Amino acid sequence: MDLFSSSTKLEPIPVRDGELAFLPQLPLSLPNEQVLARLIDETAWRSEVITVWGKQHPQPRLTAWHGEAAYRYSGLRLEPLPFTPLQQEIREAVEAATGRRFNSVLLNYYRDGRDSMGMHSDNEPELGPEPAIASVSFGAERTFILAHKASGERRKIVLTDGSLLLMAGKLQQHWVHGIHKTARPVGSRVNLTFRMIV
């Protein structure tokens, strides 16, 4: 089922075994296209090699880690760079929209439809037992896939330019999520996933 909200406030998306909410446009002082251009230009993007099931693979996208704490996932240890002024503005807008605090952000740069994110859960110990993760997207639309670990139920959410998706509660315990490759022509996209490292 495709899910989309036209509301101007963060709206819950009904889902079992977790919490989801969507905001079509995060309020910021700059238009989305300027935010996207600055994020691409101002970020020290890295091409990382991750370990999955004991094998090493290049990540099919570029990444950067900013904030107040280091982070480990898939065999990587990421040391944080400071928040940039633009990242700080986005973080403050996300915190105002969600009523939650975040101290770190993982930035993902999807250059075209060949860049993707494999199905996974954000369930690292330093995120806590019920992590809240706020995902903000700028640029080309991509479809976010969720799959329930036990039932196999699948959900799809179109992540539009400027949108905010909040994942919380037990969602990371019971669901995996990802962004598949696509053969259709799509432009560049930057996604910021704000987290609280405990």
C-alpha atoms as a PDB file:
ATOM      1  CA  MET A   1       0.000   0.000   0.000  1.00  0.00           C
ATOM      2  CA  ASP A   2       1.368   3.430  -0.908  1.00  0.00           C
ATOM      3  CA  LEU A   3       1.247   5.914   1.952  1.00  0.00           C
ATOM      4  CA  PHE A   4       1.285   9.680   1.594  1.00  0.00           C
ATOM      5  CA  SER A   5      -0.067  12.583   3.633  1.00  0.00           C
ATOM      6  CA  SER A   6      -0.912  16.056   2.370  1.00  0.00           C
ATOM      7  CA  SER A   7      -1.084  17.526   5.877  1.00  0.00           C
ATOM      8  CA  THR A   8       1.084  20.404   7.096  1.00  0.00           C
ATOM      9  CA  LYS A   9       1.756  18.680  10.426  1.00  0.00           C
ATOM     10  CA  LEU A  10       3.376  15.389  11.377  1.00  0.00           C
ATOM     11  CA  GLU A  11       0.654  12.793  10.819  1.00  0.00           C
ATOM     12  CA  PRO A  12       0.743   9.244  12.240  1.00  0.00           C
ATOM     13  CA  ILE A  13       0.779   6.365   9.747  1.00  0.00           C
ATOM     14  CA  PRO A  14      -1.040   3.316  11.171  1.00  0.00           C
ATOM     15  CA  VAL A  15       1.407   0.436  11.531  1.00  0.00           C
ATOM     16  CA  ARG A  16       1.557  -2.527  13.861  1.00  0.00           C
ATOM     17  CA  ASP A  17       4.603  -3.187  16.050  1.00  0.00           C
ATOM     18  CA  GLY A  18       5.980   0.333  15.926  1.00  0.00           C
ATOM     19  CA  GLU A  19       5.345   3.998  15.242  1.00  0.00           C
ATOM     20  CA  LEU A  20       5.488   5.894  11.939  1.00  0.00           C
ATOM     21  CA  ALA A  21       4.618   9.508  11.151  1.00  0.00           C
ATOM     22  CA  PHE A  22       5.001  11.651   8.030  1.00  0.00           C
ATOM     23  CA  LEU A  23       5.305  15.364   7.270  1.00  0.00           C
ATOM     24  CA  PRO A  24       5.251  16.333   3.556  1.00  0.00           C
ATOM     25  CA  GLN A  25       7.343  19.492   4.013  1.00  0.00           C
ATOM     26  CA  LEU A  26       9.740  20.303   6.849  1.00  0.00           C
ATOM     27  CA  PRO A  27       9.567  24.083   7.471  1.00  0.00           C
ATOM     28  CA  LEU A  28      12.948  25.693   6.716  1.00  0.00           C
ATOM     29  CA  SER A  29      14.195  29.186   5.847  1.00  0.00           C
ATOM     30  CA  LEU A  30      15.548  28.071   2.440  1.00  0.00           C
ATOM     31  CA  PRO A  31      13.764  26.433  -0.508  1.00  0.00           C
ATOM     32  CA  ASN A  32      14.380  22.718  -0.923  1.00  0.00           C
ATOM     33  CA  GLU A  33      16.537  23.072  -4.044  1.00  0.00           C
ATOM     34  CA  GLN A  34      18.949  25.391  -2.205  1.00  0.00           C
ATOM     35  CA  VAL A  35      19.102  23.013   0.757  1.00  0.00           C
ATOM     36  CA  LEU A  36      19.913  20.108  -1.585  1.00  0.00           C
ATOM     37  CA  ALA A  37      22.628  22.047  -3.428  1.00  0.00           C
ATOM     38  CA  ARG A  38      24.269  23.180  -0.195  1.00  0.00           C
ATOM     39  CA  LEU A  39      24.148  19.733   1.375  1.00  0.00           C
ATOM     40  CA  ILE A  40      25.866  18.265  -1.684  1.00  0.00           C
ATOM     41  CA  ASP A  41      28.495  21.035  -1.816  1.00  0.00           C
ATOM     42  CA  GLU A  42      29.176  21.470   1.917  1.00  0.00           C
ATOM     43  CA  THR A  43      29.422  17.805   2.957  1.00  0.00           C
ATOM     44  CA  ALA A  44      32.677  15.804   3.045  1.00  0.00           C
ATOM     45  CA  TRP A  45      31.177  12.723   1.409  1.00  0.00           C
ATOM     46  CA  ARG A  46      32.805   9.329   1.934  1.00  0.00           C
ATOM     47  CA  SER A  47      32.612   6.048   0.072  1.00  0.00           C
ATOM     48  CA  GLU A  48      32.630   3.387   2.805  1.00  0.00           C
ATOM     49  CA  VAL A  49      33.142  -0.371   2.712  1.00  0.00           C
ATOM     50  CA  ILE A  50      30.743  -2.232   5.014  1.00  0.00           C
ATOM     51  CA  THR A  51      30.730  -5.801   6.331  1.00  0.00           C
ATOM     52  CA  VAL A  52      27.510  -7.785   5.832  1.00  0.00           C
ATOM     53  CA  TRP A  53      27.364 -11.461   6.838  1.00  0.00           C
ATOM     54  CA  GLY A  54      31.154 -11.545   7.025  1.00  0.00           C
ATOM     55  CA  LYS A  55      31.684 -10.147   3.532  1.00  0.00           C
ATOM     56  CA  GLN A  56      32.859  -6.670   2.595  1.00  0.00           C
ATOM     57  CA  HIS A  57      30.923  -4.549   0.116  1.00  0.00           C
ATOM     58  CA  PRO A  58      31.218  -0.926  -1.042  1.00  0.00           C
ATOM     59  CA  GLN A  59      28.182   1.044   0.062  1.00  0.00           C
ATOM     60  CA  PRO A  60      26.036   1.914  -2.999  1.00  0.00           C
ATOM     61  CA  ARG A  61      25.816   5.585  -1.968  1.00  0.00           C
ATOM     62  CA  LEU A  62      27.993   8.251  -0.335  1.00  0.00           C
ATOM     63  CA  THR A  63      27.729   8.987   3.385  1.00  0.00           C
ATOM     64  CA  ALA A  64      28.818  11.394   6.118  1.00  0.00           C
ATOM     65  CA  TRP A  65      28.425  11.362   9.916  1.00  0.00           C
ATOM     66  CA  HIS A  66      27.987  14.557  11.949  1.00  0.00           C
ATOM     67  CA  GLY A  67      27.037  15.308  15.537  1.00  0.00           C
ATOM     68  CA  GLU A  68      28.129  14.689  19.096  1.00  0.00           C
ATOM     69  CA  ALA A  69      28.952  10.961  19.266  1.00  0.00           C
ATOM     70  CA  ALA A  70      30.685   8.163  17.377  1.00  0.00           C
ATOM     71  CA  TYR A  71      28.563   5.444  15.758  1.00  0.00           C
ATOM     72  CA  ARG A  72      29.200   1.810  14.820  1.00  0.00           C
ATOM     73  CA  TYR A  73      27.322  -0.217  12.198  1.00  0.00           C
ATOM     74  CA  SER A  74      28.179  -2.971   9.690  1.00  0.00           C
ATOM     75  CA  GLY A  75      31.814  -3.112  10.793  1.00  0.00           C
ATOM     76  CA  LEU A  76      32.324   0.672  10.598  1.00  0.00           C
ATOM     77  CA  ARG A  77      33.165   3.115  13.357  1.00  0.00           C
ATOM     78  CA  LEU A  78      32.187   6.642  12.367  1.00  0.00           C
ATOM     79  CA  GLU A  79      33.803   9.563  14.175  1.00  0.00           C
ATOM     80  CA  PRO A  80      31.588  12.626  14.028  1.00  0.00           C
ATOM     81  CA  LEU A  81      32.264  15.910  12.321  1.00  0.00           C
ATOM     82  CA  PRO A  82      30.553  18.946  13.902  1.00  0.00           C
ATOM     83  CA  PHE A  83      27.084  19.937  12.733  1.00  0.00           C
ATOM     84  CA  THR A  84      27.256  22.524   9.956  1.00  0.00           C
ATOM     85  CA  PRO A  85      25.013  25.605  10.314  1.00  0.00           C
ATOM     86  CA  LEU A  86      22.600  24.175   7.718  1.00  0.00           C
ATOM     87  CA  GLN A  87      22.504  20.775   9.427  1.00  0.00           C
ATOM     88  CA  GLN A  88      21.836  22.551  12.730  1.00  0.00           C
ATOM     89  CA  GLU A  89      18.894  24.446  11.208  1.00  0.00           C
ATOM     90  CA  ILE A  90      17.467  21.189   9.844  1.00  0.00           C
ATOM     91  CA  ARG A  91      17.986  19.458  13.204  1.00  0.00           C
ATOM     92  CA  GLU A  92      16.151  22.249  15.053  1.00  0.00           C
ATOM     93  CA  ALA A  93      13.242  22.032  12.598  1.00  0.00           C
ATOM     94  CA  VAL A  94      13.115  18.238  13.015  1.00  0.00           C
ATOM     95  CA  GLU A  95      13.140  18.528  16.810  1.00  0.00           C
ATOM     96  CA  ALA A  96      10.353  21.130  16.692  1.00  0.00           C
ATOM     97  CA  ALA A  97       8.240  18.928  14.382  1.00  0.00           C
ATOM     98  CA  THR A  98       8.747  15.700  16.332  1.00  0.00           C
ATOM     99  CA  GLY A  99       9.103  16.915  19.923  1.00  0.00           C
ATOM    100  CA  ARG A 100      12.213  14.729  20.249  1.00  0.00           C
ATOM    101  CA  ARG A 101      15.919  15.491  20.670  1.00  0.00           C
ATOM    102  CA  PHE A 102      18.637  14.233  18.324  1.00  0.00           C
ATOM    103  CA  ASN A 103      22.406  14.508  18.776  1.00  0.00           C
ATOM    104  CA  SER A 104      23.743  12.989  15.544  1.00  0.00           C
ATOM    105  CA  VAL A 105      22.909  12.641  11.859  1.00  0.00           C
ATOM    106  CA  LEU A 106      23.862  10.190   9.103  1.00  0.00           C
ATOM    107  CA  LEU A 107      23.754  11.822   5.674  1.00  0.00           C
ATOM    108  CA  ASN A 108      23.253   9.666   2.578  1.00  0.00           C
ATOM    109  CA  TYR A 109      23.842  10.940  -0.955  1.00  0.00           C
ATOM    110  CA  TYR A 110      21.980   8.971  -3.648  1.00  0.00           C
ATOM    111  CA  ARG A 111      23.545  10.220  -6.877  1.00  0.00           C
ATOM    112  CA  ASP A 112      21.055   8.461  -9.187  1.00  0.00           C
ATOM    113  CA  GLY A 113      18.774   5.421  -9.344  1.00  0.00           C
ATOM    114  CA  ARG A 114      21.714   3.024  -9.105  1.00  0.00           C
ATOM    115  CA  ASP A 115      22.414   4.142  -5.525  1.00  0.00           C
ATOM    116  CA  SER A 116      20.410   2.277  -2.913  1.00  0.00           C
ATOM    117  CA  MET A 117      20.161   1.086   0.697  1.00  0.00           C
ATOM    118  CA  GLY A 118      19.763  -2.606   1.515  1.00  0.00           C
ATOM    119  CA  MET A 119      17.028  -3.884   3.819  1.00  0.00           C
ATOM    120  CA  HIS A 120      18.094  -3.488   7.456  1.00  0.00           C
ATOM    121  CA  SER A 121      17.038  -2.361  10.925  1.00  0.00           C
ATOM    122  CA  ASP A 122      18.652   0.502  12.818  1.00  0.00           C
ATOM    123  CA  ASN A 123      19.017  -1.534  16.005  1.00  0.00           C
ATOM    124  CA  GLU A 124      22.579  -0.875  17.163  1.00  0.00           C
ATOM    125  CA  PRO A 125      22.940  -0.878  20.983  1.00  0.00           C
ATOM    126  CA  GLU A 126      23.945   2.790  21.186  1.00  0.00           C
ATOM    127  CA  LEU A 127      20.550   3.780  19.744  1.00  0.00           C
ATOM    128  CA  GLY A 128      18.704   2.297  22.738  1.00  0.00           C
ATOM    129  CA  PRO A 129      15.884  -0.288  22.809  1.00  0.00           C
ATOM    130  CA  GLU A 130      13.230   1.853  21.069  1.00  0.00           C
ATOM    131  CA  PRO A 131      15.101   4.387  18.941  1.00  0.00           C
ATOM    132  CA  ALA A 132      13.464   7.369  17.284  1.00  0.00           C
ATOM    133  CA  ILE A 133      14.942   8.056  13.848  1.00  0.00           C
ATOM    134  CA  ALA A 134      13.890  11.113  11.857  1.00  0.00           C
ATOM    135  CA  SER A 135      14.526  10.798   8.112  1.00  0.00           C
ATOM    136  CA  VAL A 136      14.523  14.012   6.040  1.00  0.00           C
ATOM    137  CA  SER A 137      14.777  13.875   2.229  1.00  0.00           C
ATOM    138  CA  PHE A 138      15.765  16.497  -0.332  1.00  0.00           C
ATOM    139  CA  GLY A 139      15.791  16.051  -4.101  1.00  0.00           C
ATOM    140  CA  ALA A 140      14.422  13.222  -6.210  1.00  0.00           C
ATOM    141  CA  GLU A 141      11.565  11.088  -4.894  1.00  0.00           C
ATOM    142  CA  ARG A 142      12.479   7.552  -3.850  1.00  0.00           C
ATOM    143  CA  THR A 143      10.239   4.791  -2.513  1.00  0.00           C
ATOM    144  CA  PHE A 144      10.945   3.672   1.048  1.00  0.00           C
ATOM    145  CA  ILE A 145      10.205  -0.031   1.595  1.00  0.00           C
ATOM    146  CA  LEU A 146       9.297  -1.557   4.971  1.00  0.00           C
ATOM    147  CA  ALA A 147       8.995  -5.314   5.552  1.00  0.00           C
ATOM    148  CA  HIS A 148       7.757  -6.955   8.765  1.00  0.00           C
ATOM    149  CA  LYS A 149      10.308  -9.463  10.053  1.00  0.00           C
ATOM    150  CA  ALA A 150       7.742 -12.058  11.186  1.00  0.00           C
ATOM    151  CA  SER A 151       4.805 -11.720   8.792  1.00  0.00           C
ATOM    152  CA  GLY A 152       6.572 -10.475   5.665  1.00  0.00           C
ATOM    153  CA  GLU A 153       4.001  -7.682   5.335  1.00  0.00           C
ATOM    154  CA  ARG A 154       5.359  -4.886   3.131  1.00  0.00           C
ATOM    155  CA  ARG A 155       4.624  -1.161   3.144  1.00  0.00           C
ATOM    156  CA  LYS A 156       5.763   1.561   0.738  1.00  0.00           C
ATOM    157  CA  ILE A 157       6.162   5.273   1.430  1.00  0.00           C
ATOM    158  CA  VAL A 158       7.136   7.782  -1.259  1.00  0.00           C
ATOM    159  CA  LEU A 159       9.743  10.077   0.288  1.00  0.00           C
ATOM    160  CA  THR A 160       9.162  13.402  -1.434  1.00  0.00           C
ATOM    161  CA  ASP A 161      11.381  16.487  -1.655  1.00  0.00           C
ATOM    162  CA  GLY A 162      11.485  18.176   1.770  1.00  0.00           C
ATOM    163  CA  SER A 163       9.603  15.429   3.596  1.00  0.00           C
ATOM    164  CA  LEU A 164      10.145  14.071   7.115  1.00  0.00           C
ATOM    165  CA  LEU A 165       9.492  10.453   8.132  1.00  0.00           C
ATOM    166  CA  LEU A 166       9.675   9.556  11.837  1.00  0.00           C
ATOM    167  CA  MET A 167      10.276   5.937  12.867  1.00  0.00           C
ATOM    168  CA  ALA A 168       9.915   5.168  16.572  1.00  0.00           C
ATOM    169  CA  GLY A 169       8.705   2.755  19.238  1.00  0.00           C
ATOM    170  CA  LYS A 170       9.355  -0.920  18.497  1.00  0.00           C
ATOM    171  CA  LEU A 171       9.585  -0.413  14.722  1.00  0.00           C
ATOM    172  CA  GLN A 172      13.293  -1.299  14.498  1.00  0.00           C
ATOM    173  CA  GLN A 173      12.677  -4.508  16.467  1.00  0.00           C
ATOM    174  CA  HIS A 174       9.953  -5.755  14.124  1.00  0.00           C
ATOM    175  CA  TRP A 175      10.611  -4.222  10.695  1.00  0.00           C
ATOM    176  CA  VAL A 176      13.421  -3.842   8.176  1.00  0.00           C
ATOM    177  CA  HIS A 177      13.567  -0.975   5.706  1.00  0.00           C
ATOM    178  CA  GLY A 178      15.475   0.080   2.605  1.00  0.00           C
ATOM    179  CA  ILE A 179      15.609   1.949  -0.707  1.00  0.00           C
ATOM    180  CA  HIS A 180      15.818  -0.256  -3.814  1.00  0.00           C
ATOM    181  CA  LYS A 181      17.698   0.542  -7.010  1.00  0.00           C
ATOM    182  CA  THR A 182      15.559   1.788  -9.876  1.00  0.00           C
ATOM    183  CA  ALA A 183      16.075   1.631 -13.643  1.00  0.00           C
ATOM    184  CA  ARG A 184      13.976   4.729 -14.266  1.00  0.00           C
ATOM    185  CA  PRO A 185      15.853   8.025 -14.580  1.00  0.00           C
ATOM    186  CA  VAL A 186      15.940   9.825 -11.217  1.00  0.00           C
ATOM    187  CA  GLY A 187      17.909  12.831 -10.040  1.00  0.00           C
ATOM    188  CA  SER A 188      20.117  13.182  -7.015  1.00  0.00           C
ATOM    189  CA  ARG A 189      18.786  12.921  -3.471  1.00  0.00           C
ATOM    190  CA  VAL A 190      20.233  13.632  -0.034  1.00  0.00           C
ATOM    191  CA  ASN A 191      18.704  11.964   2.999  1.00  0.00           C
ATOM    192  CA  LEU A 192      19.490  12.910   6.609  1.00  0.00           C
ATOM    193  CA  THR A 193      18.635  10.421   9.368  1.00  0.00           C
ATOM    194  CA  PHE A 194      18.764  12.077  12.761  1.00  0.00           C
ATOM    195  CA  ARG A 195      19.423   9.831  15.778  1.00  0.00           C
ATOM    196  CA  MET A 196      20.030  10.023  19.509  1.00  0.00           C
ATOM    197  CA  ILE A 197      23.196   8.152  20.464  1.00  0.00           C
ATOM    198  CA  VAL A 198      22.932   7.118  24.123  1.00  0.00           C
END
